[in-house]
Amino acid sequence: MNLKEAFQAQNKISELMSYINRYLSDADNVMTITEKHLRSKALAGQQDDTVDVSRKADEGFDVGRLLGIWQELMEEKERLGAAIGKAKAGMGFNLDAAVDANKSRRAFLGMLQELANRKSSHELQKGEGRGYVFNNDGNQTSYCYDIDRILTIDYDRNKVRAMVKELNRSSDEVSIKIDEALLQTQVDYALKFDLAGENRFILEELMEK
């Protein structure tokens, strides 16, 4: 398998393990709830009855077997991870660092684009100002006036736009390099499990083995 397929398999195994974790975390799935209806104590001649009122999930997985499957998946994940590590070690660049760097570029680009689109502007707020003066009788009176609210950008938009262009270029360049590496780098590993399909059905098949 190539590196992209290996990462997909790794993610699928993690999904299955999380699925098992959620299933086992639900008390209804790991406990049987029985109600004993003690009718004979209330009225002579009446028959007692025992009722299973458990509300287990539709899957009805055997808890012991499910615990074993989780352990098998954990071992598979560790072995696959080691094989992926060996494959990445043989690459001509640090894949993890390249992916992390591109995430940082993409996150910063969003903010830069907002800066590039900002414009200086002004807004006339009519009658929003209030002042006070003394009239001829010596009394203090108020008056209203307009406020011109001016917004001025504190940077060179052309420099920001140039930075956006350069970051897009470098980000795209690295993305192509990453995509090519994911497809061309081979991982020396054969999966023990068939991971095709929905999580529930995969686990049901494993239950039967």
N, C-alpha and C. Protein backbone atom coordinates (compact mmCIF):
# COMPACT_ATOMS: atom_id res chain seq x y z
N MET A 1 0.85 -1.19 0.00
CA MET A 1 0.00 0.00 0.00
C MET A 1 0.89 1.25 0.00
N ASN A 2 0.33 2.34 -0.53
CA ASN A 2 1.10 3.58 -0.47
C ASN A 2 0.80 4.30 0.84
N LEU A 3 1.49 5.41 1.05
CA LEU A 3 1.39 6.12 2.32
C LEU A 3 -0.02 6.67 2.55
N LYS A 4 -0.66 7.12 1.48
CA LYS A 4 -2.03 7.65 1.62
C LYS A 4 -2.97 6.55 2.09
N GLU A 5 -2.87 5.38 1.50
CA GLU A 5 -3.71 4.25 1.91
C GLU A 5 -3.42 3.83 3.34
N ALA A 6 -2.14 3.90 3.72
CA ALA A 6 -1.76 3.53 5.08
C ALA A 6 -2.37 4.49 6.10
N PHE A 7 -2.36 5.79 5.78
CA PHE A 7 -2.97 6.77 6.69
C PHE A 7 -4.48 6.55 6.77
N GLN A 8 -5.11 6.23 5.64
CA GLN A 8 -6.55 5.96 5.65
C GLN A 8 -6.86 4.76 6.52
N ALA A 9 -6.03 3.72 6.42
CA ALA A 9 -6.23 2.52 7.24
C ALA A 9 -6.03 2.86 8.72
N GLN A 10 -5.05 3.68 8.99
CA GLN A 10 -4.77 4.09 10.37
C GLN A 10 -5.98 4.83 10.96
N ASN A 11 -6.54 5.72 10.17
CA ASN A 11 -7.72 6.47 10.62
C ASN A 11 -8.92 5.55 10.83
N LYS A 12 -9.07 4.57 9.94
CA LYS A 12 -10.20 3.64 10.06
C LYS A 12 -10.08 2.80 11.33
N ILE A 13 -8.87 2.35 11.63
CA ILE A 13 -8.65 1.58 12.85
C ILE A 13 -8.99 2.43 14.08
N SER A 14 -8.59 3.70 14.05
CA SER A 14 -8.91 4.60 15.16
C SER A 14 -10.42 4.77 15.31
N GLU A 15 -11.13 4.85 14.18
CA GLU A 15 -12.59 4.97 14.21
C GLU A 15 -13.21 3.74 14.87
N LEU A 16 -12.73 2.56 14.50
CA LEU A 16 -13.26 1.32 15.05
C LEU A 16 -13.01 1.24 16.56
N MET A 17 -11.83 1.66 16.97
CA MET A 17 -11.51 1.64 18.41
C MET A 17 -12.39 2.62 19.18
N SER A 18 -12.66 3.78 18.58
CA SER A 18 -13.55 4.75 19.22
C SER A 18 -14.97 4.23 19.28
N TYR A 19 -15.38 3.53 18.23
CA TYR A 19 -16.72 2.91 18.19
C TYR A 19 -16.88 1.93 19.35
N ILE A 20 -15.87 1.10 19.53
CA ILE A 20 -15.90 0.11 20.62
C ILE A 20 -15.93 0.82 21.97
N ASN A 21 -15.14 1.86 22.10
CA ASN A 21 -15.09 2.61 23.35
C ASN A 21 -16.46 3.18 23.70
N ARG A 22 -17.13 3.77 22.70
CA ARG A 22 -18.46 4.34 22.94
C ARG A 22 -19.46 3.25 23.31
N TYR A 23 -19.37 2.12 22.61
CA TYR A 23 -20.29 1.01 22.86
C TYR A 23 -20.14 0.50 24.30
N LEU A 24 -18.91 0.31 24.73
CA LEU A 24 -18.65 -0.23 26.07
C LEU A 24 -18.88 0.80 27.17
N SER A 25 -18.90 2.07 26.81
CA SER A 25 -19.14 3.13 27.80
C SER A 25 -20.62 3.26 28.15
N ASP A 26 -21.47 2.65 27.34
CA ASP A 26 -22.92 2.68 27.59
C ASP A 26 -23.27 1.54 28.54
N ALA A 27 -23.70 1.87 29.75
CA ALA A 27 -23.99 0.86 30.77
C ALA A 27 -24.99 -0.18 30.29
N ASP A 28 -25.93 0.24 29.46
CA ASP A 28 -26.96 -0.70 28.97
C ASP A 28 -26.34 -1.82 28.15
N ASN A 29 -25.19 -1.56 27.52
CA ASN A 29 -24.57 -2.57 26.66
C ASN A 29 -23.72 -3.57 27.43
N VAL A 30 -23.38 -3.25 28.67
CA VAL A 30 -22.48 -4.12 29.43
C VAL A 30 -23.13 -4.71 30.67
N MET A 31 -24.41 -4.42 30.86
CA MET A 31 -25.12 -4.94 32.04
C MET A 31 -26.48 -5.50 31.63
N THR A 32 -26.90 -6.53 32.31
CA THR A 32 -28.24 -7.08 32.11
C THR A 32 -29.11 -6.64 33.28
N ILE A 33 -30.24 -6.07 32.97
CA ILE A 33 -31.14 -5.57 34.02
C ILE A 33 -32.36 -6.48 34.07
N THR A 34 -32.55 -7.09 35.23
CA THR A 34 -33.66 -8.04 35.41
C THR A 34 -34.58 -7.55 36.51
N GLU A 35 -35.87 -7.61 36.24
CA GLU A 35 -36.87 -7.25 37.25
C GLU A 35 -37.60 -8.52 37.69
N LYS A 36 -37.66 -8.73 39.00
CA LYS A 36 -38.42 -9.85 39.54
C LYS A 36 -39.74 -9.33 40.09
N HIS A 37 -40.80 -9.74 39.49
CA HIS A 37 -42.14 -9.32 39.91
C HIS A 37 -42.66 -10.31 40.95
N LEU A 38 -42.61 -9.91 42.22
CA LEU A 38 -42.93 -10.80 43.33
C LEU A 38 -44.43 -10.77 43.64
N ARG A 39 -45.22 -11.28 42.72
CA ARG A 39 -46.68 -11.26 42.86
C ARG A 39 -47.16 -12.15 44.01
N SER A 40 -46.47 -13.27 44.22
CA SER A 40 -46.94 -14.23 45.24
C SER A 40 -46.89 -13.64 46.64
N LYS A 41 -46.00 -12.68 46.85
CA LYS A 41 -45.93 -12.07 48.18
C LYS A 41 -47.10 -11.13 48.43
N ALA A 42 -47.64 -10.60 47.34
CA ALA A 42 -48.76 -9.67 47.49
C ALA A 42 -50.10 -10.38 47.52
N LEU A 43 -50.16 -11.52 46.80
CA LEU A 43 -51.45 -12.21 46.71
C LEU A 43 -51.20 -13.70 46.52
N ALA A 44 -51.70 -14.48 47.45
CA ALA A 44 -51.50 -15.94 47.41
C ALA A 44 -52.07 -16.52 46.12
N GLY A 45 -51.31 -17.44 45.55
CA GLY A 45 -51.76 -18.10 44.33
C GLY A 45 -51.25 -17.45 43.06
N GLN A 46 -50.70 -16.25 43.17
CA GLN A 46 -50.17 -15.58 41.98
C GLN A 46 -48.75 -16.06 41.70
N GLN A 47 -48.39 -16.11 40.44
CA GLN A 47 -47.08 -16.57 40.03
C GLN A 47 -46.09 -15.41 39.93
N ASP A 48 -44.90 -15.65 40.47
CA ASP A 48 -43.83 -14.66 40.31
C ASP A 48 -43.36 -14.68 38.85
N ASP A 49 -42.76 -13.59 38.44
CA ASP A 49 -42.30 -13.50 37.05
C ASP A 49 -40.96 -12.76 37.01
N THR A 50 -40.11 -13.17 36.10
CA THR A 50 -38.82 -12.51 35.91
C THR A 50 -38.77 -11.93 34.50
N VAL A 51 -38.46 -10.64 34.41
CA VAL A 51 -38.49 -9.94 33.12
C VAL A 51 -37.14 -9.28 32.86
N ASP A 52 -36.61 -9.50 31.67
CA ASP A 52 -35.37 -8.83 31.25
C ASP A 52 -35.76 -7.48 30.65
N VAL A 53 -35.37 -6.40 31.31
CA VAL A 53 -35.72 -5.05 30.84
C VAL A 53 -34.48 -4.32 30.31
N SER A 54 -33.45 -5.05 29.96
CA SER A 54 -32.23 -4.44 29.42
C SER A 54 -32.54 -3.69 28.13
N ARG A 55 -31.83 -2.62 27.92
CA ARG A 55 -32.00 -1.83 26.68
C ARG A 55 -30.68 -1.77 25.94
N LYS A 56 -30.25 -2.91 25.49
CA LYS A 56 -28.96 -3.00 24.80
C LYS A 56 -29.09 -2.48 23.37
N ALA A 57 -27.96 -2.07 22.81
CA ALA A 57 -27.93 -1.59 21.43
C ALA A 57 -28.29 -2.74 20.48
N ASP A 58 -28.71 -2.39 19.29
CA ASP A 58 -29.13 -3.41 18.31
C ASP A 58 -28.01 -4.40 17.98
N GLU A 59 -26.76 -3.92 18.04
CA GLU A 59 -25.66 -4.80 17.68
C GLU A 59 -25.56 -6.03 18.60
N GLY A 60 -25.80 -5.81 19.88
CA GLY A 60 -25.75 -6.91 20.83
C GLY A 60 -24.40 -7.61 20.87
N PHE A 61 -23.32 -6.86 20.80
CA PHE A 61 -21.99 -7.45 20.79
C PHE A 61 -21.67 -8.14 22.11
N ASP A 62 -20.94 -9.25 22.02
CA ASP A 62 -20.43 -9.91 23.20
C ASP A 62 -19.29 -9.06 23.77
N VAL A 63 -19.42 -8.68 25.04
CA VAL A 63 -18.48 -7.74 25.64
C VAL A 63 -17.06 -8.31 25.67
N GLY A 64 -16.94 -9.57 26.08
CA GLY A 64 -15.62 -10.18 26.15
C GLY A 64 -14.93 -10.22 24.81
N ARG A 65 -15.67 -10.59 23.76
CA ARG A 65 -15.08 -10.64 22.42
C ARG A 65 -14.73 -9.24 21.93
N LEU A 66 -15.56 -8.27 22.28
CA LEU A 66 -15.30 -6.90 21.85
C LEU A 66 -14.03 -6.36 22.50
N LEU A 67 -13.79 -6.71 23.74
CA LEU A 67 -12.56 -6.30 24.41
C LEU A 67 -11.35 -6.90 23.70
N GLY A 68 -11.49 -8.14 23.28
CA GLY A 68 -10.40 -8.79 22.55
C GLY A 68 -10.14 -8.14 21.21
N ILE A 69 -11.21 -7.76 20.52
CA ILE A 69 -11.07 -7.09 19.22
C ILE A 69 -10.37 -5.76 19.38
N TRP A 70 -10.71 -5.02 20.45
CA TRP A 70 -10.04 -3.73 20.68
C TRP A 70 -8.54 -3.95 20.83
N GLN A 71 -8.14 -4.97 21.56
CA GLN A 71 -6.71 -5.25 21.75
C GLN A 71 -6.04 -5.61 20.43
N GLU A 72 -6.74 -6.38 19.60
CA GLU A 72 -6.20 -6.75 18.29
C GLU A 72 -6.03 -5.51 17.41
N LEU A 73 -7.00 -4.63 17.47
CA LEU A 73 -6.93 -3.40 16.68
C LEU A 73 -5.79 -2.51 17.18
N MET A 74 -5.59 -2.48 18.48
CA MET A 74 -4.51 -1.68 19.05
C MET A 74 -3.16 -2.19 18.57
N GLU A 75 -3.00 -3.49 18.56
CA GLU A 75 -1.75 -4.08 18.08
C GLU A 75 -1.55 -3.78 16.59
N GLU A 76 -2.64 -3.87 15.82
CA GLU A 76 -2.56 -3.57 14.39
C GLU A 76 -2.18 -2.12 14.16
N LYS A 77 -2.75 -1.23 14.96
CA LYS A 77 -2.45 0.19 14.84
C LYS A 77 -0.98 0.47 15.13
N GLU A 78 -0.45 -0.18 16.14
CA GLU A 78 0.96 0.02 16.50
C GLU A 78 1.88 -0.52 15.42
N ARG A 79 1.56 -1.70 14.87
CA ARG A 79 2.40 -2.27 13.81
C ARG A 79 2.35 -1.41 12.56
N LEU A 80 1.15 -0.96 12.21
CA LEU A 80 1.00 -0.10 11.03
C LEU A 80 1.73 1.22 11.24
N GLY A 81 1.64 1.77 12.44
CA GLY A 81 2.33 3.02 12.75
C GLY A 81 3.83 2.88 12.60
N ALA A 82 4.37 1.74 13.03
CA ALA A 82 5.81 1.51 12.90
C ALA A 82 6.22 1.42 11.43
N ALA A 83 5.37 0.75 10.62
CA ALA A 83 5.66 0.63 9.19
C ALA A 83 5.59 1.99 8.50
N ILE A 84 4.63 2.81 8.91
CA ILE A 84 4.52 4.16 8.36
C ILE A 84 5.75 4.98 8.74
N GLY A 85 6.21 4.82 9.99
CA GLY A 85 7.40 5.54 10.44
C GLY A 85 8.62 5.20 9.62
N LYS A 86 8.78 3.92 9.28
CA LYS A 86 9.92 3.50 8.46
C LYS A 86 9.82 4.10 7.05
N ALA A 87 8.59 4.10 6.52
CA ALA A 87 8.40 4.64 5.17
C ALA A 87 8.71 6.14 5.14
N LYS A 88 8.28 6.87 6.15
CA LYS A 88 8.52 8.31 6.19
C LYS A 88 10.00 8.62 6.40
N ALA A 89 10.68 7.73 7.13
CA ALA A 89 12.11 7.96 7.39
C ALA A 89 12.93 7.90 6.10
N GLY A 90 12.42 7.18 5.11
CA GLY A 90 13.14 7.05 3.86
C GLY A 90 12.81 8.12 2.84
N MET A 91 11.96 9.06 3.21
CA MET A 91 11.58 10.14 2.30
C MET A 91 12.66 11.21 2.26
N GLY A 92 12.62 12.01 1.22
CA GLY A 92 13.62 13.06 1.06
C GLY A 92 13.32 14.33 1.83
N PHE A 93 12.19 14.36 2.55
CA PHE A 93 11.86 15.53 3.36
C PHE A 93 11.02 15.08 4.54
N ASN A 94 10.86 15.99 5.51
CA ASN A 94 10.10 15.68 6.72
C ASN A 94 8.63 15.92 6.44
N LEU A 95 7.87 14.84 6.25
CA LEU A 95 6.46 14.95 5.87
C LEU A 95 5.65 15.64 6.97
N ASP A 96 5.84 15.23 8.21
CA ASP A 96 5.05 15.80 9.31
C ASP A 96 5.28 17.30 9.44
N ALA A 97 6.53 17.70 9.30
CA ALA A 97 6.86 19.12 9.41
C ALA A 97 6.24 19.90 8.25
N ALA A 98 6.24 19.31 7.05
CA ALA A 98 5.67 19.98 5.88
C ALA A 98 4.16 20.15 6.03
N VAL A 99 3.49 19.11 6.54
CA VAL A 99 2.04 19.18 6.74
C VAL A 99 1.70 20.24 7.80
N ASP A 100 2.46 20.25 8.89
CA ASP A 100 2.22 21.21 9.96
C ASP A 100 2.47 22.64 9.48
N ALA A 101 3.53 22.82 8.70
CA ALA A 101 3.84 24.16 8.19
C ALA A 101 2.75 24.67 7.26
N ASN A 102 2.22 23.78 6.43
CA ASN A 102 1.15 24.20 5.51
C ASN A 102 -0.14 24.54 6.25
N LYS A 103 -0.39 23.85 7.35
CA LYS A 103 -1.56 24.20 8.17
C LYS A 103 -1.42 25.62 8.70
N SER A 104 -0.20 25.96 9.13
CA SER A 104 0.05 27.30 9.64
C SER A 104 -0.11 28.34 8.53
N ARG A 105 0.38 28.02 7.33
CA ARG A 105 0.23 28.95 6.20
C ARG A 105 -1.24 29.19 5.89
N ARG A 106 -2.02 28.12 5.81
CA ARG A 106 -3.44 28.23 5.46
C ARG A 106 -4.19 29.04 6.51
N ALA A 107 -3.87 28.81 7.78
CA ALA A 107 -4.55 29.54 8.85
C ALA A 107 -4.22 31.04 8.77
N PHE A 108 -2.94 31.36 8.51
CA PHE A 108 -2.52 32.76 8.43
C PHE A 108 -3.07 33.44 7.19
N LEU A 109 -3.21 32.68 6.12
CA LEU A 109 -3.72 33.25 4.86
C LEU A 109 -5.13 33.81 5.02
N GLY A 110 -5.94 33.15 5.83
CA GLY A 110 -7.31 33.64 6.03
C GLY A 110 -7.32 35.04 6.61
N MET A 111 -6.47 35.27 7.61
CA MET A 111 -6.38 36.58 8.23
C MET A 111 -5.76 37.60 7.26
N LEU A 112 -4.73 37.17 6.52
CA LEU A 112 -4.09 38.07 5.57
C LEU A 112 -5.07 38.55 4.50
N GLN A 113 -5.92 37.65 4.05
CA GLN A 113 -6.89 38.01 3.02
C GLN A 113 -7.85 39.08 3.53
N GLU A 114 -8.21 38.98 4.82
CA GLU A 114 -9.06 40.01 5.41
C GLU A 114 -8.34 41.36 5.43
N LEU A 115 -7.06 41.34 5.79
CA LEU A 115 -6.28 42.58 5.78
C LEU A 115 -6.20 43.18 4.38
N ALA A 116 -6.02 42.30 3.40
CA ALA A 116 -5.89 42.76 2.02
C ALA A 116 -7.18 43.40 1.52
N ASN A 117 -8.30 42.97 2.05
CA ASN A 117 -9.60 43.48 1.59
C ASN A 117 -10.08 44.71 2.36
N ARG A 118 -9.43 45.04 3.46
CA ARG A 118 -9.86 46.19 4.25
C ARG A 118 -9.57 47.50 3.51
N LYS A 119 -10.40 48.49 3.75
CA LYS A 119 -10.22 49.81 3.13
C LYS A 119 -10.40 50.90 4.18
N SER A 120 -9.70 51.99 3.97
CA SER A 120 -9.93 53.16 4.83
C SER A 120 -11.31 53.72 4.49
N SER A 121 -11.98 54.25 5.50
CA SER A 121 -13.34 54.77 5.27
C SER A 121 -13.67 55.80 6.34
N HIS A 122 -14.80 56.43 6.15
CA HIS A 122 -15.28 57.34 7.19
C HIS A 122 -16.81 57.26 7.24
N GLU A 123 -17.34 57.60 8.40
CA GLU A 123 -18.78 57.52 8.61
C GLU A 123 -19.22 58.79 9.34
N LEU A 124 -20.15 59.52 8.74
CA LEU A 124 -20.65 60.74 9.36
C LEU A 124 -21.82 60.39 10.28
N GLN A 125 -21.61 60.61 11.57
CA GLN A 125 -22.64 60.32 12.56
C GLN A 125 -23.33 61.64 12.92
N LYS A 126 -24.46 61.87 12.30
CA LYS A 126 -25.17 63.14 12.45
C LYS A 126 -25.79 63.28 13.85
N GLY A 127 -25.45 64.38 14.47
CA GLY A 127 -26.05 64.70 15.77
C GLY A 127 -25.63 63.81 16.91
N GLU A 128 -24.56 63.03 16.72
CA GLU A 128 -24.15 62.09 17.77
C GLU A 128 -23.31 62.76 18.87
N GLY A 129 -22.71 63.91 18.53
CA GLY A 129 -21.89 64.60 19.54
C GLY A 129 -22.73 65.54 20.40
N ARG A 130 -22.34 65.74 21.64
CA ARG A 130 -23.06 66.64 22.54
C ARG A 130 -22.07 67.52 23.31
N GLY A 131 -22.32 68.83 23.24
CA GLY A 131 -21.47 69.78 23.95
C GLY A 131 -22.30 70.71 24.82
N TYR A 132 -21.62 71.52 25.63
CA TYR A 132 -22.32 72.44 26.54
C TYR A 132 -21.68 73.83 26.47
N VAL A 133 -22.55 74.85 26.47
CA VAL A 133 -22.09 76.24 26.49
C VAL A 133 -22.98 77.05 27.44
N PHE A 134 -22.49 78.24 27.81
CA PHE A 134 -23.30 79.13 28.64
C PHE A 134 -23.98 80.16 27.73
N ASN A 135 -25.24 80.35 27.92
CA ASN A 135 -25.96 81.35 27.11
C ASN A 135 -25.79 82.75 27.71
N ASN A 136 -26.48 83.72 27.12
CA ASN A 136 -26.35 85.10 27.56
C ASN A 136 -26.81 85.32 28.99
N ASP A 137 -27.69 84.41 29.46
CA ASP A 137 -28.18 84.53 30.83
C ASP A 137 -27.29 83.81 31.83
N GLY A 138 -26.22 83.21 31.32
CA GLY A 138 -25.30 82.50 32.21
C GLY A 138 -25.71 81.08 32.53
N ASN A 139 -26.72 80.60 31.82
CA ASN A 139 -27.17 79.22 32.05
C ASN A 139 -26.46 78.26 31.08
N GLN A 140 -26.15 77.08 31.61
CA GLN A 140 -25.49 76.07 30.76
C GLN A 140 -26.52 75.39 29.88
N THR A 141 -26.26 75.36 28.60
CA THR A 141 -27.18 74.69 27.66
C THR A 141 -26.37 73.71 26.79
N SER A 142 -27.09 72.71 26.32
CA SER A 142 -26.42 71.69 25.50
C SER A 142 -26.71 71.92 24.02
N TYR A 143 -25.85 71.39 23.22
CA TYR A 143 -26.07 71.45 21.77
C TYR A 143 -25.51 70.16 21.15
N CYS A 144 -26.02 69.80 19.98
CA CYS A 144 -25.58 68.58 19.28
C CYS A 144 -24.75 68.95 18.06
N TYR A 145 -23.84 68.06 17.71
CA TYR A 145 -23.01 68.29 16.52
C TYR A 145 -22.69 66.95 15.86
N ASP A 146 -22.22 67.05 14.61
CA ASP A 146 -21.90 65.83 13.86
C ASP A 146 -20.50 65.32 14.22
N ILE A 147 -20.32 64.00 14.12
CA ILE A 147 -19.00 63.38 14.33
C ILE A 147 -18.63 62.64 13.04
N ASP A 148 -17.47 62.96 12.52
CA ASP A 148 -16.97 62.24 11.34
C ASP A 148 -16.01 61.16 11.84
N ARG A 149 -16.47 59.92 11.82
CA ARG A 149 -15.67 58.78 12.32
C ARG A 149 -14.81 58.26 11.17
N ILE A 150 -13.50 58.37 11.31
CA ILE A 150 -12.56 58.04 10.24
C ILE A 150 -11.79 56.77 10.60
N LEU A 151 -11.82 55.80 9.71
CA LEU A 151 -11.09 54.55 9.89
C LEU A 151 -9.97 54.51 8.85
N THR A 152 -8.72 54.45 9.33
CA THR A 152 -7.57 54.46 8.44
C THR A 152 -6.72 53.21 8.68
N ILE A 153 -6.43 52.46 7.62
CA ILE A 153 -5.60 51.26 7.78
C ILE A 153 -4.17 51.67 8.10
N ASP A 154 -3.53 50.89 8.96
CA ASP A 154 -2.19 51.23 9.44
C ASP A 154 -1.11 50.38 8.78
N TYR A 155 -1.35 49.97 7.55
CA TYR A 155 -0.37 49.11 6.88
C TYR A 155 -0.49 49.31 5.37
N ASP A 156 0.47 48.75 4.64
CA ASP A 156 0.51 48.85 3.19
C ASP A 156 -0.22 47.64 2.60
N ARG A 157 -1.39 47.87 2.04
CA ARG A 157 -2.18 46.75 1.49
C ARG A 157 -1.45 46.05 0.36
N ASN A 158 -0.66 46.77 -0.38
CA ASN A 158 0.07 46.14 -1.49
C ASN A 158 1.07 45.10 -0.98
N LYS A 159 1.71 45.43 0.15
CA LYS A 159 2.65 44.46 0.74
C LYS A 159 1.90 43.23 1.25
N VAL A 160 0.73 43.46 1.82
CA VAL A 160 -0.08 42.34 2.31
C VAL A 160 -0.52 41.46 1.15
N ARG A 161 -0.95 42.09 0.06
CA ARG A 161 -1.39 41.32 -1.11
C ARG A 161 -0.25 40.52 -1.70
N ALA A 162 0.94 41.10 -1.69
CA ALA A 162 2.12 40.39 -2.19
C ALA A 162 2.43 39.18 -1.30
N MET A 163 2.22 39.36 0.00
CA MET A 163 2.45 38.26 0.94
C MET A 163 1.42 37.15 0.73
N VAL A 164 0.18 37.54 0.47
CA VAL A 164 -0.87 36.55 0.18
C VAL A 164 -0.50 35.73 -1.04
N LYS A 165 -0.04 36.42 -2.07
CA LYS A 165 0.34 35.74 -3.31
C LYS A 165 1.48 34.76 -3.08
N GLU A 166 2.49 35.17 -2.32
CA GLU A 166 3.65 34.33 -2.07
C GLU A 166 3.29 33.13 -1.19
N LEU A 167 2.47 33.36 -0.17
CA LEU A 167 2.07 32.26 0.71
C LEU A 167 1.21 31.24 -0.04
N ASN A 168 0.34 31.72 -0.91
CA ASN A 168 -0.47 30.80 -1.73
C ASN A 168 0.42 29.96 -2.63
N ARG A 169 1.42 30.62 -3.22
CA ARG A 169 2.33 29.89 -4.10
C ARG A 169 3.09 28.81 -3.36
N SER A 170 3.68 29.18 -2.22
CA SER A 170 4.48 28.22 -1.47
C SER A 170 3.61 27.11 -0.88
N SER A 171 2.40 27.47 -0.45
CA SER A 171 1.49 26.48 0.11
C SER A 171 1.07 25.46 -0.95
N ASP A 172 0.75 25.95 -2.14
CA ASP A 172 0.37 25.05 -3.23
C ASP A 172 1.54 24.15 -3.62
N GLU A 173 2.72 24.71 -3.64
CA GLU A 173 3.93 23.96 -4.00
C GLU A 173 4.16 22.81 -3.01
N VAL A 174 4.04 23.12 -1.73
CA VAL A 174 4.23 22.09 -0.69
C VAL A 174 3.12 21.06 -0.75
N SER A 175 1.89 21.51 -1.00
CA SER A 175 0.75 20.58 -1.08
C SER A 175 0.95 19.55 -2.19
N ILE A 176 1.45 20.00 -3.33
CA ILE A 176 1.74 19.09 -4.45
C ILE A 176 2.81 18.09 -4.05
N LYS A 177 3.83 18.58 -3.36
CA LYS A 177 4.93 17.71 -2.91
C LYS A 177 4.41 16.66 -1.93
N ILE A 178 3.52 17.09 -1.03
CA ILE A 178 2.95 16.16 -0.05
C ILE A 178 2.07 15.11 -0.74
N ASP A 179 1.21 15.57 -1.66
CA ASP A 179 0.32 14.65 -2.38
C ASP A 179 1.11 13.61 -3.16
N GLU A 180 2.16 14.05 -3.83
CA GLU A 180 3.00 13.12 -4.61
C GLU A 180 3.66 12.10 -3.69
N ALA A 181 4.13 12.57 -2.53
CA ALA A 181 4.80 11.67 -1.58
C ALA A 181 3.83 10.64 -1.03
N LEU A 182 2.59 11.06 -0.76
CA LEU A 182 1.58 10.14 -0.22
C LEU A 182 1.26 9.02 -1.20
N LEU A 183 1.27 9.35 -2.49
CA LEU A 183 0.93 8.36 -3.51
C LEU A 183 2.11 7.49 -3.91
N GLN A 184 3.32 8.05 -3.87
CA GLN A 184 4.49 7.34 -4.37
C GLN A 184 5.25 6.57 -3.31
N THR A 185 5.16 6.99 -2.06
CA THR A 185 5.89 6.32 -0.98
C THR A 185 5.17 5.04 -0.58
N GLN A 186 5.86 3.93 -0.65
CA GLN A 186 5.27 2.63 -0.32
C GLN A 186 5.51 2.26 1.15
N VAL A 187 4.48 1.68 1.75
CA VAL A 187 4.56 1.21 3.13
C VAL A 187 4.58 -0.31 3.10
N ASP A 188 5.61 -0.90 3.65
CA ASP A 188 5.78 -2.36 3.62
C ASP A 188 4.94 -2.99 4.73
N TYR A 189 3.64 -3.14 4.44
CA TYR A 189 2.74 -3.69 5.46
C TYR A 189 1.49 -4.26 4.81
N ALA A 190 1.04 -5.40 5.32
CA ALA A 190 -0.20 -6.02 4.86
C ALA A 190 -1.18 -6.03 6.02
N LEU A 191 -2.34 -5.44 5.81
CA LEU A 191 -3.33 -5.33 6.88
C LEU A 191 -3.88 -6.71 7.26
N LYS A 192 -4.05 -6.88 8.55
CA LYS A 192 -4.63 -8.12 9.07
C LYS A 192 -6.14 -8.12 8.92
N PHE A 193 -6.74 -6.92 8.93
CA PHE A 193 -8.19 -6.79 8.90
C PHE A 193 -8.68 -6.24 7.56
N ASP A 194 -9.90 -6.61 7.21
CA ASP A 194 -10.58 -6.01 6.07
C ASP A 194 -11.33 -4.79 6.61
N LEU A 195 -10.90 -3.60 6.22
CA LEU A 195 -11.45 -2.38 6.80
C LEU A 195 -12.49 -1.71 5.92
N ALA A 196 -12.96 -2.41 4.90
CA ALA A 196 -13.96 -1.82 4.00
C ALA A 196 -15.35 -1.95 4.62
N GLY A 197 -16.12 -0.87 4.55
CA GLY A 197 -17.50 -0.90 5.02
C GLY A 197 -17.73 -0.09 6.28
N GLU A 198 -18.96 -0.13 6.78
CA GLU A 198 -19.32 0.61 7.98
C GLU A 198 -18.73 -0.07 9.22
N ASN A 199 -18.45 0.73 10.23
CA ASN A 199 -17.81 0.22 11.44
C ASN A 199 -18.58 -0.95 12.06
N ARG A 200 -19.88 -0.81 12.13
CA ARG A 200 -20.70 -1.86 12.77
C ARG A 200 -20.52 -3.20 12.06
N PHE A 201 -20.58 -3.17 10.73
CA PHE A 201 -20.51 -4.42 9.96
C PHE A 201 -19.11 -5.03 10.00
N ILE A 202 -18.09 -4.17 10.06
CA ILE A 202 -16.71 -4.68 10.20
C ILE A 202 -16.59 -5.44 11.51
N LEU A 203 -17.11 -4.85 12.58
CA LEU A 203 -17.02 -5.49 13.90
C LEU A 203 -17.85 -6.76 13.96
N GLU A 204 -18.98 -6.76 13.28
CA GLU A 204 -19.79 -7.98 13.26
C GLU A 204 -19.05 -9.12 12.59
N GLU A 205 -18.32 -8.81 11.52
CA GLU A 205 -17.53 -9.85 10.84
C GLU A 205 -16.40 -10.34 11.74
N LEU A 206 -15.76 -9.39 12.46
CA LEU A 206 -14.67 -9.79 13.36
C LEU A 206 -15.19 -10.64 14.51
N MET A 207 -16.43 -10.39 14.92
CA MET A 207 -17.04 -11.15 16.00
C MET A 207 -17.14 -12.64 15.63
N GLU A 208 -17.33 -12.90 14.36
CA GLU A 208 -17.54 -14.27 13.90
C GLU A 208 -16.24 -15.05 13.74
N LYS A 209 -15.12 -14.36 13.81
CA LYS A 209 -13.82 -15.03 13.59
C LYS A 209 -13.28 -15.60 14.90
